Amino acid sequence: MAAFDTTRTTYGVATFANRVIAFVADLALSVRSWNDVRITSNALSNLTDRELNDIGLARGDINNVARSHFTR
């Protein structure tokens, strides 16, 4: 009786493909995160000091809030 081993990839082709896919996914996530920070920063920058004060922020807090993981 012959046995066929299906658990091994041929010459690491699947491993290379997985690394490429993971790299592209990480790149897409980085671009998406950068864009979220940019949009949030622009939106907060367009508010007046009074409006920022109403939501409990100062103008100097905009970069920290835009980059914060808690606000997304």
PDB file of N, CA and C in Angstrom:
ATOM      1  N   MET A   1       0.841  -1.166   0.000  1.00  0.00           N
ATOM      2  CA  MET A   1       0.000   0.000   0.000  1.00  0.00           C
ATOM      3  C   MET A   1       0.890   1.234   0.000  1.00  0.00           C
ATOM      4  N   ALA A   2       0.569   2.177  -0.843  1.00  0.00           N
ATOM      5  CA  ALA A   2       1.352   3.395  -0.952  1.00  0.00           C
ATOM      6  C   ALA A   2       0.720   4.487  -0.089  1.00  0.00           C
ATOM      7  N   ALA A   3       1.584   5.344   0.436  1.00  0.00           N
ATOM      8  CA  ALA A   3       1.114   6.465   1.262  1.00  0.00           C
ATOM      9  C   ALA A   3       1.563   7.773   0.616  1.00  0.00           C
ATOM     10  N   PHE A   4       0.742   8.743   0.685  1.00  0.00           N
ATOM     11  CA  PHE A   4       1.047  10.045   0.105  1.00  0.00           C
ATOM     12  C   PHE A   4       1.014  11.081   1.218  1.00  0.00           C
ATOM     13  N   ASP A   5       2.150  11.737   1.429  1.00  0.00           N
ATOM     14  CA  ASP A   5       2.269  12.723   2.518  1.00  0.00           C
ATOM     15  C   ASP A   5       1.793  14.083   2.021  1.00  0.00           C
ATOM     16  N   THR A   6       0.724  14.601   2.615  1.00  0.00           N
ATOM     17  CA  THR A   6       0.171  15.887   2.183  1.00  0.00           C
ATOM     18  C   THR A   6       0.451  17.018   3.169  1.00  0.00           C
ATOM     19  N   THR A   7       1.240  16.725   4.197  1.00  0.00           N
ATOM     20  CA  THR A   7       1.482  17.755   5.202  1.00  0.00           C
ATOM     21  C   THR A   7       2.666  18.643   4.858  1.00  0.00           C
ATOM     22  N   ARG A   8       3.478  18.262   3.911  1.00  0.00           N
ATOM     23  CA  ARG A   8       4.657  19.052   3.548  1.00  0.00           C
ATOM     24  C   ARG A   8       4.398  19.833   2.272  1.00  0.00           C
ATOM     25  N   THR A   9       4.930  21.040   2.256  1.00  0.00           N
ATOM     26  CA  THR A   9       4.807  21.833   1.039  1.00  0.00           C
ATOM     27  C   THR A   9       5.993  21.540   0.137  1.00  0.00           C
ATOM     28  N   THR A  10       5.840  21.797  -1.108  1.00  0.00           N
ATOM     29  CA  THR A  10       6.894  21.530  -2.067  1.00  0.00           C
ATOM     30  C   THR A  10       7.873  22.685  -2.073  1.00  0.00           C
ATOM     31  N   TYR A  11       9.064  22.459  -1.593  1.00  0.00           N
ATOM     32  CA  TYR A  11      10.161  23.427  -1.614  1.00  0.00           C
ATOM     33  C   TYR A  11       9.795  24.762  -0.970  1.00  0.00           C
ATOM     34  N   GLY A  12       8.928  24.763   0.009  1.00  0.00           N
ATOM     35  CA  GLY A  12       8.607  25.976   0.734  1.00  0.00           C
ATOM     36  C   GLY A  12       7.806  26.999  -0.039  1.00  0.00           C
ATOM     37  N   VAL A  13       7.126  26.596  -1.080  1.00  0.00           N
ATOM     38  CA  VAL A  13       6.342  27.529  -1.892  1.00  0.00           C
ATOM     39  C   VAL A  13       5.216  28.131  -1.060  1.00  0.00           C
ATOM     40  N   ALA A  14       4.521  27.319  -0.284  1.00  0.00           N
ATOM     41  CA  ALA A  14       3.420  27.828   0.529  1.00  0.00           C
ATOM     42  C   ALA A  14       3.938  28.780   1.601  1.00  0.00           C
ATOM     43  N   THR A  15       5.087  28.492   2.169  1.00  0.00           N
ATOM     44  CA  THR A  15       5.662  29.362   3.180  1.00  0.00           C
ATOM     45  C   THR A  15       5.987  30.721   2.583  1.00  0.00           C
ATOM     46  N   PHE A  16       6.569  30.750   1.428  1.00  0.00           N
ATOM     47  CA  PHE A  16       6.887  32.011   0.761  1.00  0.00           C
ATOM     48  C   PHE A  16       5.611  32.770   0.424  1.00  0.00           C
ATOM     49  N   ALA A  17       4.620  32.070  -0.078  1.00  0.00           N
ATOM     50  CA  ALA A  17       3.349  32.715  -0.425  1.00  0.00           C
ATOM     51  C   ALA A  17       2.684  33.285   0.818  1.00  0.00           C
ATOM     52  N   ASN A  18       2.729  32.553   1.926  1.00  0.00           N
ATOM     53  CA  ASN A  18       2.153  33.047   3.178  1.00  0.00           C
ATOM     54  C   ASN A  18       2.872  34.293   3.662  1.00  0.00           C
ATOM     55  N   ARG A  19       4.189  34.322   3.509  1.00  0.00           N
ATOM     56  CA  ARG A  19       4.946  35.508   3.925  1.00  0.00           C
ATOM     57  C   ARG A  19       4.607  36.712   3.064  1.00  0.00           C
ATOM     58  N   VAL A  20       4.444  36.499   1.775  1.00  0.00           N
ATOM     59  CA  VAL A  20       4.084  37.593   0.876  1.00  0.00           C
ATOM     60  C   VAL A  20       2.697  38.112   1.217  1.00  0.00           C
ATOM     61  N   ILE A  21       1.758  37.213   1.440  1.00  0.00           N
ATOM     62  CA  ILE A  21       0.398  37.620   1.786  1.00  0.00           C
ATOM     63  C   ILE A  21       0.376  38.359   3.122  1.00  0.00           C
ATOM     64  N   ALA A  22       1.140  37.870   4.093  1.00  0.00           N
ATOM     65  CA  ALA A  22       1.210  38.540   5.394  1.00  0.00           C
ATOM     66  C   ALA A  22       1.838  39.927   5.263  1.00  0.00           C
ATOM     67  N   PHE A  23       2.857  40.051   4.424  1.00  0.00           N
ATOM     68  CA  PHE A  23       3.493  41.348   4.204  1.00  0.00           C
ATOM     69  C   PHE A  23       2.514  42.335   3.588  1.00  0.00           C
ATOM     70  N   VAL A  24       1.782  41.900   2.583  1.00  0.00           N
ATOM     71  CA  VAL A  24       0.804  42.769   1.923  1.00  0.00           C
ATOM     72  C   VAL A  24      -0.308  43.155   2.905  1.00  0.00           C
ATOM     73  N   ALA A  25      -0.755  42.208   3.713  1.00  0.00           N
ATOM     74  CA  ALA A  25      -1.792  42.498   4.701  1.00  0.00           C
ATOM     75  C   ALA A  25      -1.295  43.507   5.735  1.00  0.00           C
ATOM     76  N   ASP A  26      -0.061  43.342   6.199  1.00  0.00           N
ATOM     77  CA  ASP A  26       0.523  44.289   7.155  1.00  0.00           C
ATOM     78  C   ASP A  26       0.678  45.670   6.533  1.00  0.00           C
ATOM     79  N   LEU A  27       1.073  45.713   5.283  1.00  0.00           N
ATOM     80  CA  LEU A  27       1.217  46.985   4.581  1.00  0.00           C
ATOM     81  C   LEU A  27      -0.135  47.679   4.457  1.00  0.00           C
ATOM     82  N   ALA A  28      -1.160  46.927   4.099  1.00  0.00           N
ATOM     83  CA  ALA A  28      -2.507  47.492   3.983  1.00  0.00           C
ATOM     84  C   ALA A  28      -3.006  47.999   5.329  1.00  0.00           C
ATOM     85  N   LEU A  29      -2.728  47.269   6.394  1.00  0.00           N
ATOM     86  CA  LEU A  29      -3.125  47.697   7.731  1.00  0.00           C
ATOM     87  C   LEU A  29      -2.394  48.971   8.136  1.00  0.00           C
ATOM     88  N   SER A  30      -1.118  49.069   7.797  1.00  0.00           N
ATOM     89  CA  SER A  30      -0.352  50.273   8.108  1.00  0.00           C
ATOM     90  C   SER A  30      -0.896  51.490   7.370  1.00  0.00           C
ATOM     91  N   VAL A  31      -1.239  51.320   6.110  1.00  0.00           N
ATOM     92  CA  VAL A  31      -1.797  52.425   5.323  1.00  0.00           C
ATOM     93  C   VAL A  31      -3.155  52.828   5.890  1.00  0.00           C
ATOM     94  N   ARG A  32      -3.952  51.854   6.253  1.00  0.00           N
ATOM     95  CA  ARG A  32      -5.270  52.156   6.827  1.00  0.00           C
ATOM     96  C   ARG A  32      -5.140  52.894   8.154  1.00  0.00           C
ATOM     97  N   SER A  33      -4.216  52.461   9.003  1.00  0.00           N
ATOM     98  CA  SER A  33      -4.000  53.129  10.282  1.00  0.00           C
ATOM     99  C   SER A  33      -3.507  54.549  10.083  1.00  0.00           C
ATOM    100  N   TRP A  34      -2.558  54.744   9.158  1.00  0.00           N
ATOM    101  CA  TRP A  34      -2.058  56.081   8.858  1.00  0.00           C
ATOM    102  C   TRP A  34      -3.191  56.981   8.381  1.00  0.00           C
ATOM    103  N   ASN A  35      -4.050  56.468   7.529  1.00  0.00           N
ATOM    104  CA  ASN A  35      -5.157  57.256   7.002  1.00  0.00           C
ATOM    105  C   ASN A  35      -6.154  57.607   8.110  1.00  0.00           C
ATOM    106  N   ASP A  36      -6.419  56.681   9.017  1.00  0.00           N
ATOM    107  CA  ASP A  36      -7.309  56.966  10.144  1.00  0.00           C
ATOM    108  C   ASP A  36      -6.760  58.089  11.010  1.00  0.00           C
ATOM    109  N   VAL A  37      -5.452  58.045  11.281  1.00  0.00           N
ATOM    110  CA  VAL A  37      -4.811  59.097  12.077  1.00  0.00           C
ATOM    111  C   VAL A  37      -4.907  60.425  11.347  1.00  0.00           C
ATOM    112  N   ARG A  38      -4.675  60.420  10.048  1.00  0.00           N
ATOM    113  CA  ARG A  38      -4.719  61.648   9.254  1.00  0.00           C
ATOM    114  C   ARG A  38      -6.108  62.263   9.256  1.00  0.00           C
ATOM    115  N   ILE A  39      -7.128  61.445   9.051  1.00  0.00           N
ATOM    116  CA  ILE A  39      -8.503  61.937   9.020  1.00  0.00           C
ATOM    117  C   ILE A  39      -8.919  62.479  10.385  1.00  0.00           C
ATOM    118  N   THR A  40      -8.597  61.749  11.438  1.00  0.00           N
ATOM    119  CA  THR A  40      -8.943  62.198  12.789  1.00  0.00           C
ATOM    120  C   THR A  40      -8.242  63.504  13.131  1.00  0.00           C
ATOM    121  N   SER A  41      -6.961  63.585  12.802  1.00  0.00           N
ATOM    122  CA  SER A  41      -6.193  64.793  13.076  1.00  0.00           C
ATOM    123  C   SER A  41      -6.752  65.987  12.314  1.00  0.00           C
ATOM    124  N   ASN A  42      -7.090  65.789  11.051  1.00  0.00           N
ATOM    125  CA  ASN A  42      -7.661  66.885  10.255  1.00  0.00           C
ATOM    126  C   ASN A  42      -9.016  67.318  10.789  1.00  0.00           C
ATOM    127  N   ALA A  43      -9.837  66.364  11.182  1.00  0.00           N
ATOM    128  CA  ALA A  43     -11.165  66.693  11.707  1.00  0.00           C
ATOM    129  C   ALA A  43     -11.056  67.486  13.005  1.00  0.00           C
ATOM    130  N   LEU A  44     -10.175  67.061  13.888  1.00  0.00           N
ATOM    131  CA  LEU A  44     -10.014  67.779  15.152  1.00  0.00           C
ATOM    132  C   LEU A  44      -9.352  69.140  14.952  1.00  0.00           C
ATOM    133  N   SER A  45      -8.452  69.228  13.998  1.00  0.00           N
ATOM    134  CA  SER A  45      -7.788  70.498  13.730  1.00  0.00           C
ATOM    135  C   SER A  45      -8.756  71.539  13.181  1.00  0.00           C
ATOM    136  N   ASN A  46      -9.807  71.090  12.523  1.00  0.00           N
ATOM    137  CA  ASN A  46     -10.788  72.014  11.966  1.00  0.00           C
ATOM    138  C   ASN A  46     -11.770  72.549  13.005  1.00  0.00           C
ATOM    139  N   LEU A  47     -11.769  71.972  14.214  1.00  0.00           N
ATOM    140  CA  LEU A  47     -12.651  72.458  15.266  1.00  0.00           C
ATOM    141  C   LEU A  47     -12.070  73.719  15.899  1.00  0.00           C
ATOM    142  N   THR A  48     -12.954  74.547  16.421  1.00  0.00           N
ATOM    143  CA  THR A  48     -12.502  75.752  17.126  1.00  0.00           C
ATOM    144  C   THR A  48     -12.038  75.352  18.526  1.00  0.00           C
ATOM    145  N   ASP A  49     -11.343  76.270  19.190  1.00  0.00           N
ATOM    146  CA  ASP A  49     -10.893  76.003  20.554  1.00  0.00           C
ATOM    147  C   ASP A  49     -12.083  75.765  21.483  1.00  0.00           C
ATOM    148  N   ARG A  50     -13.167  76.470  21.253  1.00  0.00           N
ATOM    149  CA  ARG A  50     -14.374  76.293  22.061  1.00  0.00           C
ATOM    150  C   ARG A  50     -14.950  74.887  21.868  1.00  0.00           C
ATOM    151  N   GLU A  51     -15.012  74.426  20.628  1.00  0.00           N
ATOM    152  CA  GLU A  51     -15.535  73.087  20.357  1.00  0.00           C
ATOM    153  C   GLU A  51     -14.629  72.011  20.952  1.00  0.00           C
ATOM    154  N   LEU A  52     -13.321  72.211  20.853  1.00  0.00           N
ATOM    155  CA  LEU A  52     -12.385  71.262  21.465  1.00  0.00           C
ATOM    156  C   LEU A  52     -12.562  71.230  22.978  1.00  0.00           C
ATOM    157  N   ASN A  53     -12.754  72.399  23.572  1.00  0.00           N
ATOM    158  CA  ASN A  53     -12.963  72.481  25.015  1.00  0.00           C
ATOM    159  C   ASN A  53     -14.247  71.758  25.416  1.00  0.00           C
ATOM    160  N   ASP A  54     -15.269  71.839  24.572  1.00  0.00           N
ATOM    161  CA  ASP A  54     -16.542  71.164  24.860  1.00  0.00           C
ATOM    162  C   ASP A  54     -16.378  69.648  24.931  1.00  0.00           C
ATOM    163  N   ILE A  55     -15.469  69.086  24.157  1.00  0.00           N
ATOM    164  CA  ILE A  55     -15.259  67.631  24.201  1.00  0.00           C
ATOM    165  C   ILE A  55     -14.085  67.249  25.101  1.00  0.00           C
ATOM    166  N   GLY A  56     -13.560  68.244  25.836  1.00  0.00           N
ATOM    167  CA  GLY A  56     -12.524  67.964  26.830  1.00  0.00           C
ATOM    168  C   GLY A  56     -11.123  67.872  26.279  1.00  0.00           C
ATOM    169  N   LEU A  57     -10.861  68.560  25.169  1.00  0.00           N
ATOM    170  CA  LEU A  57      -9.526  68.528  24.572  1.00  0.00           C
ATOM    171  C   LEU A  57      -8.958  69.927  24.453  1.00  0.00           C
ATOM    172  N   ALA A  58      -7.652  69.982  24.383  1.00  0.00           N
ATOM    173  CA  ALA A  58      -6.947  71.213  24.048  1.00  0.00           C
ATOM    174  C   ALA A  58      -6.289  70.992  22.693  1.00  0.00           C
ATOM    175  N   ARG A  59      -5.908  72.062  22.037  1.00  0.00           N
ATOM    176  CA  ARG A  59      -5.318  71.946  20.714  1.00  0.00           C
ATOM    177  C   ARG A  59      -4.050  71.080  20.739  1.00  0.00           C
ATOM    178  N   GLY A  60      -3.317  71.117  21.828  1.00  0.00           N
ATOM    179  CA  GLY A  60      -2.102  70.317  21.950  1.00  0.00           C
ATOM    180  C   GLY A  60      -2.350  68.823  22.101  1.00  0.00           C
ATOM    181  N   ASP A  61      -3.583  68.450  22.380  1.00  0.00           N
ATOM    182  CA  ASP A  61      -3.917  67.035  22.566  1.00  0.00           C
ATOM    183  C   ASP A  61      -4.259  66.321  21.262  1.00  0.00           C
ATOM    184  N   ILE A  62      -4.382  67.046  20.176  1.00  0.00           N
ATOM    185  CA  ILE A  62      -4.880  66.466  18.927  1.00  0.00           C
ATOM    186  C   ILE A  62      -4.010  65.309  18.448  1.00  0.00           C
ATOM    187  N   ASN A  63      -2.707  65.478  18.413  1.00  0.00           N
ATOM    188  CA  ASN A  63      -1.835  64.395  17.919  1.00  0.00           C
ATOM    189  C   ASN A  63      -1.913  63.162  18.806  1.00  0.00           C
ATOM    190  N   ASN A  64      -1.960  63.365  20.121  1.00  0.00           N
ATOM    191  CA  ASN A  64      -2.049  62.220  21.030  1.00  0.00           C
ATOM    192  C   ASN A  64      -3.370  61.478  20.870  1.00  0.00           C
ATOM    193  N   VAL A  65      -4.444  62.219  20.718  1.00  0.00           N
ATOM    194  CA  VAL A  65      -5.759  61.600  20.559  1.00  0.00           C
ATOM    195  C   VAL A  65      -5.839  60.874  19.217  1.00  0.00           C
ATOM    196  N   ALA A  66      -5.328  61.479  18.174  1.00  0.00           N
ATOM    197  CA  ALA A  66      -5.405  60.869  16.845  1.00  0.00           C
ATOM    198  C   ALA A  66      -4.601  59.571  16.788  1.00  0.00           C
ATOM    199  N   ARG A  67      -3.524  59.502  17.511  1.00  0.00           N
ATOM    200  CA  ARG A  67      -2.673  58.301  17.494  1.00  0.00           C
ATOM    201  C   ARG A  67      -3.037  57.281  18.562  1.00  0.00           C
ATOM    202  N   SER A  68      -3.968  57.643  19.434  1.00  0.00           N
ATOM    203  CA  SER A  68      -4.348  56.768  20.540  1.00  0.00           C
ATOM    204  C   SER A  68      -5.140  55.572  20.026  1.00  0.00           C
ATOM    205  N   HIS A  69      -4.860  54.401  20.566  1.00  0.00           N
ATOM    206  CA  HIS A  69      -5.600  53.192  20.193  1.00  0.00           C
ATOM    207  C   HIS A  69      -6.938  53.143  20.910  1.00  0.00           C
ATOM    208  N   PHE A  70      -7.091  53.941  21.961  1.00  0.00           N
ATOM    209  CA  PHE A  70      -8.333  53.897  22.720  1.00  0.00           C
ATOM    210  C   PHE A  70      -9.466  54.631  22.028  1.00  0.00           C
ATOM    211  N   THR A  71      -9.146  55.550  21.134  1.00  0.00           N
ATOM    212  CA  THR A  71     -10.191  56.338  20.495  1.00  0.00           C
ATOM    213  C   THR A  71     -10.645  55.753  19.179  1.00  0.00           C
ATOM    214  N   ARG A  72     -10.071  54.679  18.719  1.00  0.00           N
ATOM    215  CA  ARG A  72     -10.453  54.099  17.435  1.00  0.00           C
ATOM    216  C   ARG A  72     -11.418  52.982  17.605  1.00  0.00           C
TER     217      ARG A  72
END
